[in-house]
Amino acid sequence: MPHRFVPVPTADSWQLSNAPILEMAALRASLELFDEAGMSRLTAKGKERTSTYYL
């Protein structure tokens, strides 16, 4: 990073640095479901579903 502030002259400067709380709440809930299911079960299900198309 530069040692001095250089403002962005376009609308890009209005972007937020923090994620919106409602979107993060939904993301957290979905990640909890993935965590509960477990990666090995998710991988197995994915392989099961895709392997039938390539047999």
C-alpha atoms as a PDB file:
ATOM      1  CA  MET A   1       0.000   0.000   0.000  1.00  0.00           C
ATOM      2  CA  PRO A   2       1.170   3.498  -0.666  1.00  0.00           C
ATOM      3  CA  HIS A   3       2.039   5.663   2.319  1.00  0.00           C
ATOM      4  CA  ARG A   4      -0.364   8.390   1.300  1.00  0.00           C
ATOM      5  CA  PHE A   5      -4.086   8.417   0.517  1.00  0.00           C
ATOM      6  CA  VAL A   6      -4.961   8.520  -3.169  1.00  0.00           C
ATOM      7  CA  PRO A   7      -8.739   8.905  -3.651  1.00  0.00           C
ATOM      8  CA  VAL A   8     -10.486   6.976  -6.412  1.00  0.00           C
ATOM      9  CA  PRO A   9     -12.149   9.417  -8.821  1.00  0.00           C
ATOM     10  CA  THR A  10     -14.928   7.025  -9.927  1.00  0.00           C
ATOM     11  CA  ALA A  11     -18.006   5.435  -8.329  1.00  0.00           C
ATOM     12  CA  ASP A  12     -15.782   2.519  -7.215  1.00  0.00           C
ATOM     13  CA  SER A  13     -14.845   4.629  -4.207  1.00  0.00           C
ATOM     14  CA  TRP A  14     -18.359   4.130  -2.790  1.00  0.00           C
ATOM     15  CA  GLN A  15     -17.885   0.393  -2.293  1.00  0.00           C
ATOM     16  CA  LEU A  16     -18.130  -0.835   1.278  1.00  0.00           C
ATOM     17  CA  SER A  17     -15.233  -2.515   2.964  1.00  0.00           C
ATOM     18  CA  ASN A  18     -17.529  -4.598   5.203  1.00  0.00           C
ATOM     19  CA  ALA A  19     -19.924  -7.209   3.935  1.00  0.00           C
ATOM     20  CA  PRO A  20     -23.672  -6.638   4.464  1.00  0.00           C
ATOM     21  CA  ILE A  21     -24.837  -8.274   7.701  1.00  0.00           C
ATOM     22  CA  LEU A  22     -27.941  -9.980   6.267  1.00  0.00           C
ATOM     23  CA  GLU A  23     -25.952 -11.618   3.488  1.00  0.00           C
ATOM     24  CA  MET A  24     -23.338 -12.774   5.978  1.00  0.00           C
ATOM     25  CA  ALA A  25     -26.051 -14.243   8.252  1.00  0.00           C
ATOM     26  CA  ALA A  26     -27.376 -16.321   5.347  1.00  0.00           C
ATOM     27  CA  LEU A  27     -23.857 -17.406   4.399  1.00  0.00           C
ATOM     28  CA  ARG A  28     -23.087 -18.426   7.972  1.00  0.00           C
ATOM     29  CA  ALA A  29     -26.271 -20.511   8.176  1.00  0.00           C
ATOM     30  CA  SER A  30     -25.432 -22.314   4.935  1.00  0.00           C
ATOM     31  CA  LEU A  31     -21.857 -22.970   6.060  1.00  0.00           C
ATOM     32  CA  GLU A  32     -23.172 -24.466   9.310  1.00  0.00           C
ATOM     33  CA  LEU A  33     -25.243 -26.917   7.240  1.00  0.00           C
ATOM     34  CA  PHE A  34     -22.189 -27.898   5.208  1.00  0.00           C
ATOM     35  CA  ASP A  35     -20.209 -28.334   8.416  1.00  0.00           C
ATOM     36  CA  GLU A  36     -22.952 -30.501   9.922  1.00  0.00           C
ATOM     37  CA  ALA A  37     -23.098 -32.725   6.841  1.00  0.00           C
ATOM     38  CA  GLY A  38     -19.331 -33.193   6.726  1.00  0.00           C
ATOM     39  CA  MET A  39     -17.015 -32.918   3.766  1.00  0.00           C
ATOM     40  CA  SER A  40     -16.682 -36.676   3.262  1.00  0.00           C
ATOM     41  CA  ARG A  41     -20.458 -37.098   2.950  1.00  0.00           C
ATOM     42  CA  LEU A  42     -20.734 -34.146   0.578  1.00  0.00           C
ATOM     43  CA  THR A  43     -17.916 -35.494  -1.597  1.00  0.00           C
ATOM     44  CA  ALA A  44     -19.450 -38.971  -1.656  1.00  0.00           C
ATOM     45  CA  LYS A  45     -22.841 -37.593  -2.656  1.00  0.00           C
ATOM     46  CA  GLY A  46     -21.302 -35.466  -5.383  1.00  0.00           C
ATOM     47  CA  LYS A  47     -19.413 -38.436  -6.826  1.00  0.00           C
ATOM     48  CA  GLU A  48     -22.560 -40.584  -6.594  1.00  0.00           C
ATOM     49  CA  ARG A  49     -24.631 -38.045  -8.491  1.00  0.00           C
ATOM     50  CA  THR A  50     -22.098 -37.329 -11.213  1.00  0.00           C
ATOM     51  CA  SER A  51     -20.866 -40.893 -11.757  1.00  0.00           C
ATOM     52  CA  THR A  52     -24.255 -42.052 -13.114  1.00  0.00           C
ATOM     53  CA  TYR A  53     -23.923 -39.684 -16.058  1.00  0.00           C
ATOM     54  CA  TYR A  54     -20.543 -41.038 -17.136  1.00  0.00           C
ATOM     55  CA  LEU A  55     -21.182 -44.768 -16.935  1.00  0.00           C
END
